[in-house]
Amino acid sequence: MIPTTHRGSLYTRLFLAHLLVIVAGTATLLAVTLLTAHTLHDRLMIAMLGPELALAADPAMDAMERATNDVFEAAMIQALLISSGAASLVAVVVSLLLSRRIVSPIQRLLDASRRIAMGHYSERVPAVGNDELAALASQFNTMADALESAERRRVALIGDVAHELRTPLATIEGYAEGAIDGVVATNDATWALILDEAGRLRRLVTDLQELSRAEARQLPLHPTLIPPAALVERVRARLAPQFAEKGVTLRQELPTSAPAILVDPDRITQVLINLLGNALQHTPSGGVVTIRVIAEPYAMRFQIQDTGSGIAAEHVPHLFERFYRVDKARARTTGGSGIGLTISKALIEAHGGTIWVESAGLGQGTVVRFMLPAACLTRS
């Protein structure tokens, strides 16, 4: 902690500034009083005695007036010195207290910022009052909250990535050692399994790279005017074989007339494929997945609804977190990387939109909606 008596400290400079004001004020008071006191005294005496009596040539009166003036001047100087000293003393004490009151919150901010720089992200400072220092403390706490949250996400991301990488790496390592020791047959099935695990690693790394760029708003967007129906048709054509293979019906409900939207078609297609893929994964054979597009006055709303397994209420707020899985027992081979929804959220927000999930509960299906704002709509 920096001593408040340090020569260059803010506390010292504030106190010296107050002290300079006190000295200047006291010197001005004394100078003005000494320069004007005689003139004011003479004017008051003339006004009280009258011009004739004041100008009368009486030696006794002149001597008395000089004596009176000397006594008055001495008393006035003494009174001024005493009152100036008392006022200066009070002003110095008040200046010390005010300077400390101003500097203390700043000193607390400085100490807290140092502790945060050392990794203590839980550090906060009290924000008392409604002045600028309180506003600064409040903004500091907001910044500290953001840093603490970012640090938690960073630590969680490192742990999650290590966990996700461990399984395919362990599989590859185990089969490689088995092949070297002659325990595992080096046939096409073995190489296919190793290749599949390597592919999972590559996809995970690619997803992580894309997620990092998306959350940093570094993904390039190439907006193009495209009708919503064209986007839906593009996704439908790509996923139709998968839906047919599983026996799930894919329906679409499009408005009869909807304006073209100014978006990056590849990115929105990526979002739709991810959302429809999730819906297909959690909808049993014989179920239905419906994609709707609804044109609203100031937005375009996309909606993917399924008749699948649904989601319990406690899981809904966490669905867009990295590596979050509703079914903790789901194997990595049957589930995705766990960051598809996170990437989708980042892509929608990059377009200025919002995305959210709703579910009435287990067995009640799920609805995912995202809105593209008016900035993405064309004007007729």
Protein backbone atom coordinates (compact mmCIF):
# COMPACT_ATOMS: atom_id res chain seq x y z
CA MET A 1 0.00 0.00 0.00
CA ILE A 2 1.38 3.44 -0.94
CA PRO A 3 1.84 5.68 2.14
CA THR A 4 -0.46 8.67 2.03
CA THR A 5 2.41 10.91 3.15
CA HIS A 6 4.47 10.10 0.06
CA ARG A 7 5.76 13.23 -1.58
CA GLY A 8 4.05 12.61 -4.90
CA SER A 9 0.86 11.03 -3.58
CA LEU A 10 -2.57 12.36 -4.49
CA TYR A 11 -3.33 12.83 -0.80
CA THR A 12 -0.31 15.13 -0.36
CA ARG A 13 -1.09 17.09 -3.48
CA LEU A 14 -4.70 17.59 -2.50
CA PHE A 15 -3.70 18.76 0.98
CA LEU A 16 -1.07 21.15 -0.43
CA ALA A 17 -3.64 22.52 -2.85
CA HIS A 18 -6.08 23.16 0.01
CA LEU A 19 -3.26 24.67 2.08
CA LEU A 20 -2.35 27.01 -0.77
CA VAL A 21 -5.97 28.15 -0.98
CA ILE A 22 -5.98 28.77 2.79
CA VAL A 23 -2.77 30.80 2.66
CA ALA A 24 -3.96 32.83 -0.33
CA GLY A 25 -7.29 33.52 1.34
CA THR A 26 -5.71 34.54 4.64
CA ALA A 27 -3.13 36.80 2.97
CA THR A 28 -5.86 38.44 0.90
CA LEU A 29 -7.97 39.01 4.01
CA LEU A 30 -5.10 40.64 5.90
CA ALA A 31 -3.97 42.80 2.97
CA VAL A 32 -7.44 44.07 2.12
CA THR A 33 -8.22 44.77 5.78
CA LEU A 34 -4.99 46.73 6.39
CA LEU A 35 -5.39 48.72 3.17
CA THR A 36 -9.03 49.68 3.67
CA ALA A 37 -9.44 49.83 7.43
CA HIS A 38 -8.17 53.42 7.86
CA THR A 39 -10.24 54.78 5.02
CA LEU A 40 -13.38 53.04 6.20
CA HIS A 41 -12.72 54.19 9.79
CA ASP A 42 -12.35 57.82 8.74
CA ARG A 43 -15.53 57.70 6.66
CA LEU A 44 -17.50 56.20 9.51
CA MET A 45 -16.18 58.79 11.98
CA ILE A 46 -17.12 61.64 9.63
CA ALA A 47 -20.54 60.14 9.12
CA MET A 48 -21.03 59.79 12.89
CA LEU A 49 -19.65 63.19 14.07
CA GLY A 50 -20.54 65.27 11.06
CA PRO A 51 -18.17 67.16 8.72
CA GLU A 52 -17.94 70.32 10.92
CA LEU A 53 -16.98 68.49 14.13
CA ALA A 54 -14.69 66.08 12.36
CA LEU A 55 -12.74 68.97 10.74
CA ALA A 56 -12.59 71.14 13.91
CA ALA A 57 -9.02 72.08 14.90
CA ASP A 58 -9.00 71.00 18.54
CA PRO A 59 -5.58 69.69 19.77
CA ALA A 60 -7.18 67.59 22.49
CA MET A 61 -9.57 66.01 20.04
CA ASP A 62 -6.74 65.34 17.57
CA ALA A 63 -4.64 63.64 20.22
CA MET A 64 -7.60 61.54 21.35
CA GLU A 65 -8.35 60.57 17.75
CA ARG A 66 -4.75 59.51 17.11
CA ALA A 67 -4.71 57.46 20.30
CA THR A 68 -8.03 55.92 19.43
CA ASN A 69 -6.80 55.08 15.93
CA ASP A 70 -3.63 53.45 17.30
CA VAL A 71 -5.60 51.37 19.79
CA PHE A 72 -8.12 50.40 17.10
CA GLU A 73 -5.39 49.44 14.67
CA ALA A 74 -3.56 47.31 17.25
CA ALA A 75 -6.76 45.60 18.35
CA MET A 76 -7.79 45.01 14.75
CA ILE A 77 -4.43 43.47 13.83
CA GLN A 78 -4.47 41.24 16.90
CA ALA A 79 -8.04 40.16 16.21
CA LEU A 80 -7.19 39.46 12.58
CA LEU A 81 -4.16 37.40 13.53
CA ILE A 82 -6.07 35.38 16.11
CA SER A 83 -9.10 34.84 13.86
CA SER A 84 -6.91 34.03 10.83
CA GLY A 85 -4.89 31.56 12.87
CA ALA A 86 -8.03 29.89 14.23
CA ALA A 87 -9.65 29.84 10.78
CA SER A 88 -6.49 28.46 9.20
CA LEU A 89 -6.23 25.73 11.83
CA VAL A 90 -9.85 24.69 11.27
CA ALA A 91 -9.37 24.87 7.51
CA VAL A 92 -6.24 22.67 7.72
CA VAL A 93 -8.08 20.04 9.77
CA VAL A 94 -11.04 20.10 7.38
CA SER A 95 -8.67 19.88 4.40
CA LEU A 96 -6.97 16.85 5.90
CA LEU A 97 -10.28 15.11 6.46
CA LEU A 98 -11.65 15.99 3.01
CA SER A 99 -8.43 14.98 1.27
CA ARG A 100 -8.45 11.65 3.09
CA ARG A 101 -12.13 11.14 2.21
CA ILE A 102 -11.40 11.78 -1.46
CA VAL A 103 -8.22 9.70 -1.61
CA SER A 104 -9.37 6.70 0.45
CA PRO A 105 -11.80 5.31 -2.20
CA ILE A 106 -9.15 5.79 -4.86
CA GLN A 107 -6.60 4.01 -2.67
CA ARG A 108 -9.04 1.12 -2.19
CA LEU A 109 -9.51 0.93 -5.95
CA LEU A 110 -5.74 0.89 -6.44
CA ASP A 111 -5.25 -1.88 -3.87
CA ALA A 112 -8.12 -3.92 -5.32
CA SER A 113 -6.79 -3.56 -8.87
CA ARG A 114 -3.39 -4.82 -7.71
CA ARG A 115 -4.96 -7.86 -6.07
CA ILE A 116 -6.97 -8.57 -9.21
CA ALA A 117 -3.79 -8.28 -11.27
CA MET A 118 -2.33 -10.96 -8.98
CA GLY A 119 -5.23 -13.29 -9.78
CA HIS A 120 -7.64 -12.57 -6.91
CA TYR A 121 -10.67 -11.98 -9.13
CA SER A 122 -13.17 -12.02 -6.24
CA GLU A 123 -11.89 -8.62 -5.05
CA ARG A 124 -14.56 -5.88 -4.80
CA VAL A 125 -14.72 -2.34 -3.44
CA PRO A 126 -17.64 -0.66 -1.65
CA ALA A 127 -19.61 1.79 -3.78
CA VAL A 128 -21.07 4.27 -1.29
CA GLY A 129 -22.98 7.37 -2.32
CA ASN A 130 -23.98 8.65 -5.73
CA ASP A 131 -21.02 10.78 -6.76
CA GLU A 132 -18.38 10.13 -9.41
CA LEU A 133 -16.20 8.06 -7.06
CA ALA A 134 -19.14 5.79 -6.24
CA ALA A 135 -19.86 5.43 -9.96
CA LEU A 136 -16.19 4.59 -10.56
CA ALA A 137 -16.30 1.95 -7.80
CA SER A 138 -19.47 0.47 -9.28
CA GLN A 139 -17.90 0.26 -12.74
CA PHE A 140 -14.79 -1.29 -11.21
CA ASN A 141 -16.92 -3.99 -9.57
CA THR A 142 -18.69 -4.61 -12.89
CA MET A 143 -15.31 -5.02 -14.59
CA ALA A 144 -14.16 -7.36 -11.79
CA ASP A 145 -17.34 -9.45 -12.22
CA ALA A 146 -16.63 -9.77 -15.94
CA LEU A 147 -13.00 -10.74 -15.31
CA GLU A 148 -14.00 -13.31 -12.70
CA SER A 149 -16.61 -14.78 -15.03
CA ALA A 150 -14.11 -14.91 -17.89
CA GLU A 151 -11.58 -16.63 -15.65
CA ARG A 152 -14.15 -19.21 -14.55
CA ARG A 153 -15.03 -19.88 -18.19
CA ARG A 154 -11.35 -20.18 -19.08
CA VAL A 155 -10.66 -22.69 -16.32
CA ALA A 156 -13.83 -24.62 -17.19
CA LEU A 157 -12.88 -24.60 -20.88
CA ILE A 158 -9.44 -26.02 -20.17
CA GLY A 159 -10.95 -28.78 -18.06
CA ASP A 160 -13.65 -29.53 -20.60
CA VAL A 161 -11.21 -29.66 -23.51
CA ALA A 162 -8.90 -31.95 -21.57
CA HIS A 163 -11.85 -34.21 -20.76
CA GLU A 164 -13.05 -34.27 -24.37
CA LEU A 165 -9.59 -35.02 -25.71
CA ARG A 166 -8.84 -37.75 -23.18
CA THR A 167 -11.25 -40.36 -24.57
CA PRO A 168 -10.18 -40.40 -28.25
CA LEU A 169 -6.52 -40.07 -27.30
CA ALA A 170 -6.80 -42.98 -24.87
CA THR A 171 -8.51 -45.07 -27.56
CA ILE A 172 -5.85 -44.30 -30.17
CA GLU A 173 -3.06 -44.93 -27.68
CA GLY A 174 -4.58 -48.21 -26.50
CA TYR A 175 -5.04 -49.63 -29.99
CA ALA A 176 -1.59 -48.44 -31.06
CA GLU A 177 0.05 -50.15 -28.07
CA GLY A 178 -2.04 -53.26 -28.66
CA ALA A 179 -0.99 -53.36 -32.29
CA ILE A 180 2.68 -52.97 -31.33
CA ASP A 181 2.42 -55.73 -28.70
CA GLY A 182 0.52 -57.99 -31.10
CA VAL A 183 -2.55 -58.08 -28.84
CA VAL A 184 -4.75 -56.23 -31.34
CA ALA A 185 -4.99 -57.41 -34.92
CA THR A 186 -3.90 -54.75 -37.39
CA ASN A 187 -6.77 -55.22 -39.80
CA ASP A 188 -9.00 -52.76 -41.62
CA ALA A 189 -11.42 -52.56 -38.68
CA THR A 190 -8.63 -51.48 -36.31
CA TRP A 191 -7.35 -48.81 -38.67
CA ALA A 192 -10.92 -47.61 -39.33
CA LEU A 193 -11.49 -47.22 -35.59
CA ILE A 194 -8.25 -45.29 -35.12
CA LEU A 195 -9.09 -43.11 -38.11
CA ASP A 196 -12.55 -42.43 -36.68
CA GLU A 197 -11.07 -41.34 -33.34
CA ALA A 198 -8.58 -39.10 -35.14
CA GLY A 199 -11.48 -37.59 -37.07
CA ARG A 200 -13.26 -36.85 -33.81
CA LEU A 201 -10.17 -35.06 -32.55
CA ARG A 202 -9.95 -33.02 -35.74
CA ARG A 203 -13.64 -32.06 -35.57
CA LEU A 204 -13.30 -31.05 -31.92
CA VAL A 205 -10.29 -28.85 -32.65
CA THR A 206 -12.10 -27.28 -35.61
CA ASP A 207 -15.19 -26.60 -33.47
CA LEU A 208 -13.09 -25.07 -30.71
CA GLN A 209 -11.29 -22.83 -33.17
CA GLU A 210 -14.57 -21.68 -34.68
CA LEU A 211 -16.10 -21.13 -31.24
CA SER A 212 -13.14 -19.03 -30.16
CA ARG A 213 -13.40 -16.86 -33.27
CA ALA A 214 -17.18 -16.58 -32.97
CA GLU A 215 -17.12 -15.50 -29.33
CA ALA A 216 -14.37 -12.98 -30.12
CA ARG A 217 -16.54 -11.63 -32.96
CA GLN A 218 -13.77 -12.45 -35.42
CA LEU A 219 -15.81 -14.65 -37.74
CA PRO A 220 -16.12 -12.86 -41.08
CA LEU A 221 -19.72 -12.41 -42.21
CA HIS A 222 -20.65 -12.05 -45.88
CA PRO A 223 -24.23 -10.73 -45.88
CA THR A 224 -26.30 -11.55 -48.92
CA LEU A 225 -29.96 -10.98 -49.71
CA ILE A 226 -31.68 -14.35 -49.63
CA PRO A 227 -35.33 -15.42 -49.15
CA PRO A 228 -35.94 -17.38 -45.92
CA ALA A 229 -37.56 -20.15 -47.99
CA ALA A 230 -34.28 -20.62 -49.88
CA LEU A 231 -32.40 -21.10 -46.62
CA VAL A 232 -34.92 -23.66 -45.39
CA GLU A 233 -34.88 -25.52 -48.69
CA ARG A 234 -31.09 -25.65 -48.68
CA VAL A 235 -31.06 -27.23 -45.21
CA ARG A 236 -33.99 -29.53 -45.98
CA ALA A 237 -32.24 -30.95 -49.06
CA ARG A 238 -29.08 -31.61 -47.09
CA LEU A 239 -30.74 -33.36 -44.12
CA ALA A 240 -33.61 -35.15 -45.88
CA PRO A 241 -31.72 -38.47 -46.24
CA GLN A 242 -30.91 -38.55 -42.51
CA PHE A 243 -34.53 -37.91 -41.56
CA ALA A 244 -35.74 -40.57 -43.98
CA GLU A 245 -33.23 -43.10 -42.68
CA LYS A 246 -34.41 -42.62 -39.08
CA GLY A 247 -38.09 -42.46 -40.01
CA VAL A 248 -38.67 -38.91 -38.70
CA THR A 249 -40.90 -36.56 -40.69
CA LEU A 250 -39.43 -33.16 -41.53
CA ARG A 251 -42.09 -30.51 -42.13
CA GLN A 252 -41.77 -26.89 -43.07
CA GLU A 253 -44.19 -23.99 -42.64
CA LEU A 254 -43.24 -20.87 -44.57
CA PRO A 255 -45.09 -17.56 -45.01
CA THR A 256 -46.72 -17.00 -48.38
CA SER A 257 -44.78 -13.77 -48.80
CA ALA A 258 -41.75 -12.84 -46.80
CA PRO A 259 -39.04 -10.26 -47.52
CA ALA A 260 -35.55 -11.39 -48.31
CA ILE A 261 -33.16 -11.14 -45.40
CA LEU A 262 -29.64 -9.72 -45.38
CA VAL A 263 -27.57 -12.44 -43.68
CA ASP A 264 -24.58 -14.66 -44.24
CA PRO A 265 -26.31 -17.68 -45.84
CA ASP A 266 -23.54 -20.11 -44.91
CA ARG A 267 -23.61 -19.11 -41.24
CA ILE A 268 -27.40 -19.22 -40.90
CA THR A 269 -27.40 -22.56 -42.77
CA GLN A 270 -24.84 -23.81 -40.24
CA VAL A 271 -27.15 -22.77 -37.39
CA LEU A 272 -30.19 -24.43 -38.97
CA ILE A 273 -28.29 -27.66 -39.66
CA ASN A 274 -27.09 -27.80 -36.08
CA LEU A 275 -30.55 -27.15 -34.63
CA LEU A 276 -32.29 -29.62 -36.95
CA GLY A 277 -29.56 -32.18 -36.30
CA ASN A 278 -30.15 -31.88 -32.55
CA ALA A 279 -33.91 -32.20 -33.07
CA LEU A 280 -33.41 -35.32 -35.19
CA GLN A 281 -31.06 -36.85 -32.63
CA HIS A 282 -33.63 -36.50 -29.82
CA THR A 283 -36.74 -37.44 -31.81
CA PRO A 284 -37.60 -41.16 -32.05
CA SER A 285 -38.70 -42.91 -35.20
CA GLY A 286 -42.22 -41.88 -36.18
CA GLY A 287 -41.80 -38.40 -34.69
CA VAL A 288 -42.09 -35.04 -36.41
CA VAL A 289 -39.71 -32.09 -36.66
CA THR A 290 -41.19 -28.84 -37.95
CA ILE A 291 -39.30 -25.78 -39.12
CA ARG A 292 -41.31 -22.57 -39.26
CA VAL A 293 -40.48 -19.11 -40.52
CA ILE A 294 -42.64 -16.26 -39.22
CA ALA A 295 -42.34 -12.74 -40.62
CA GLU A 296 -42.90 -10.17 -37.87
CA PRO A 297 -43.05 -6.36 -38.22
CA TYR A 298 -39.50 -5.80 -37.01
CA ALA A 299 -37.89 -9.24 -37.12
CA MET A 300 -37.81 -12.62 -38.85
CA ARG A 301 -38.40 -15.56 -36.53
CA PHE A 302 -37.18 -19.10 -37.21
CA GLN A 303 -38.59 -21.93 -35.12
CA ILE A 304 -37.57 -25.60 -34.92
CA GLN A 305 -40.04 -27.77 -33.01
CA ASP A 306 -39.80 -31.50 -32.39
CA THR A 307 -41.90 -34.20 -30.74
CA GLY A 308 -38.89 -35.74 -29.08
CA SER A 309 -37.69 -36.43 -25.56
CA GLY A 310 -37.98 -32.88 -24.27
CA ILE A 311 -35.77 -31.18 -21.69
CA ALA A 312 -36.19 -30.85 -17.94
CA ALA A 313 -36.55 -27.26 -16.73
CA GLU A 314 -33.29 -27.25 -14.76
CA HIS A 315 -31.26 -27.94 -17.92
CA VAL A 316 -32.74 -25.24 -20.18
CA PRO A 317 -30.68 -22.27 -18.83
CA HIS A 318 -27.42 -24.16 -19.44
CA LEU A 319 -27.99 -25.47 -22.96
CA PHE A 320 -25.79 -22.83 -24.62
CA GLU A 321 -22.83 -23.43 -22.30
CA ARG A 322 -19.73 -25.12 -23.69
CA PHE A 323 -19.72 -28.93 -23.49
CA TYR A 324 -23.00 -29.01 -21.59
CA ARG A 325 -24.96 -32.23 -22.10
CA VAL A 326 -28.45 -32.91 -20.77
CA ASP A 327 -27.72 -36.63 -20.71
CA LYS A 328 -24.49 -36.95 -18.73
CA ALA A 329 -24.32 -40.68 -19.56
CA ARG A 330 -24.39 -40.07 -23.32
CA ALA A 331 -21.19 -41.27 -24.88
CA ARG A 332 -19.10 -38.96 -27.02
CA THR A 333 -19.61 -41.30 -29.95
CA THR A 334 -23.39 -40.83 -29.83
CA GLY A 335 -23.31 -37.14 -29.01
CA GLY A 336 -21.65 -34.16 -30.63
CA SER A 337 -18.79 -32.10 -29.32
CA GLY A 338 -21.12 -30.29 -26.95
CA ILE A 339 -20.43 -26.82 -28.36
CA GLY A 340 -22.77 -26.77 -31.36
CA LEU A 341 -25.40 -24.71 -29.56
CA THR A 342 -22.70 -22.40 -28.22
CA ILE A 343 -21.45 -21.75 -31.74
CA SER A 344 -25.03 -21.26 -32.99
CA LYS A 345 -25.67 -18.68 -30.28
CA ALA A 346 -22.48 -16.80 -31.17
CA LEU A 347 -23.42 -16.78 -34.88
CA ILE A 348 -26.94 -15.51 -34.23
CA GLU A 349 -25.65 -12.79 -31.92
CA ALA A 350 -23.08 -11.81 -34.57
CA HIS A 351 -26.10 -11.01 -36.77
CA GLY A 352 -27.61 -8.94 -33.94
CA GLY A 353 -30.24 -11.58 -33.13
CA THR A 354 -31.23 -13.70 -30.15
CA ILE A 355 -31.78 -17.43 -29.67
CA TRP A 356 -33.53 -19.36 -26.91
CA VAL A 357 -34.93 -22.81 -26.07
CA GLU A 358 -38.30 -23.79 -24.61
CA SER A 359 -39.54 -27.18 -23.44
CA ALA A 360 -42.60 -28.21 -21.44
CA GLY A 361 -40.60 -31.03 -19.84
CA LEU A 362 -39.49 -34.58 -20.44
CA GLY A 363 -41.46 -36.28 -23.20
CA GLN A 364 -43.03 -32.98 -24.28
CA GLY A 365 -40.72 -32.07 -27.13
CA THR A 366 -38.53 -29.00 -27.56
CA VAL A 367 -38.81 -25.68 -29.41
CA VAL A 368 -35.77 -23.64 -30.42
CA ARG A 369 -36.36 -20.12 -31.70
CA PHE A 370 -34.07 -17.45 -33.01
CA MET A 371 -34.86 -13.94 -34.16
CA LEU A 372 -33.08 -11.91 -36.79
CA PRO A 373 -33.66 -8.19 -36.14
CA ALA A 374 -34.98 -5.48 -38.39
CA ALA A 375 -31.44 -4.65 -39.53
CA CYS A 376 -31.45 -7.96 -41.43
CA LEU A 377 -34.74 -7.22 -43.17
CA THR A 378 -35.00 -5.53 -46.53
CA ARG A 379 -37.31 -2.60 -47.10
CA SER A 380 -39.84 -2.73 -49.88
